[in-house]
Amino acid sequence: MRMSVGVDLHKSQFTVYWRSDDGITGRDERYPTTNDGYRR
């Protein structure tokens, strides 16, 4: 299964969204813009 990834960067957090190319499966996760958030 192929996936597309999008990243939305803000001052205090960023959101990463994964979506399968068939458009059926998707998920998003939010992380703080800290060293720990970037590592995760």
Protein backbone atom coordinates (compact mmCIF):
# COMPACT_ATOMS: atom_id res chain seq x y z
CA MET A 1 0.00 0.00 0.00
CA ARG A 2 1.35 3.41 -0.94
CA MET A 3 0.93 6.34 1.43
CA SER A 4 0.97 10.11 1.08
CA VAL A 5 2.20 12.30 3.92
CA GLY A 6 1.37 15.92 4.68
CA VAL A 7 2.86 18.17 7.37
CA ASP A 8 1.28 21.36 8.70
CA LEU A 9 3.76 23.39 10.75
CA HIS A 10 2.68 26.03 13.29
CA LYS A 11 4.52 27.99 15.92
CA SER A 12 3.66 25.70 18.88
CA GLN A 13 2.82 22.39 17.16
CA PHE A 14 2.87 20.50 13.89
CA THR A 15 0.43 18.00 12.46
CA VAL A 16 1.43 14.99 10.37
CA TYR A 17 -1.24 13.31 8.24
CA TRP A 18 -0.83 9.92 6.56
CA ARG A 19 -3.32 8.81 3.91
CA SER A 20 -3.39 5.71 1.76
CA ASP A 21 -3.46 6.39 -1.95
CA ASP A 22 -6.88 4.71 -2.16
CA GLY A 23 -8.18 7.49 0.14
CA ILE A 24 -9.81 5.04 2.54
CA THR A 25 -7.21 4.85 5.29
CA GLY A 26 -5.87 7.98 6.99
CA ARG A 27 -4.61 9.16 10.34
CA ASP A 28 -3.16 12.30 11.84
CA GLU A 29 -0.95 12.99 14.82
CA ARG A 30 -0.02 16.26 16.51
CA TYR A 31 3.34 16.98 18.08
CA PRO A 32 4.74 19.98 19.94
CA THR A 33 7.49 21.99 18.24
CA THR A 34 10.07 20.88 20.77
CA ASN A 35 13.13 18.65 20.42
CA ASP A 36 11.09 15.72 21.76
CA GLY A 37 8.23 16.44 19.34
CA TYR A 38 10.62 16.55 16.37
CA ARG A 39 12.21 13.23 17.42
CA ARG A 40 8.82 11.51 17.67
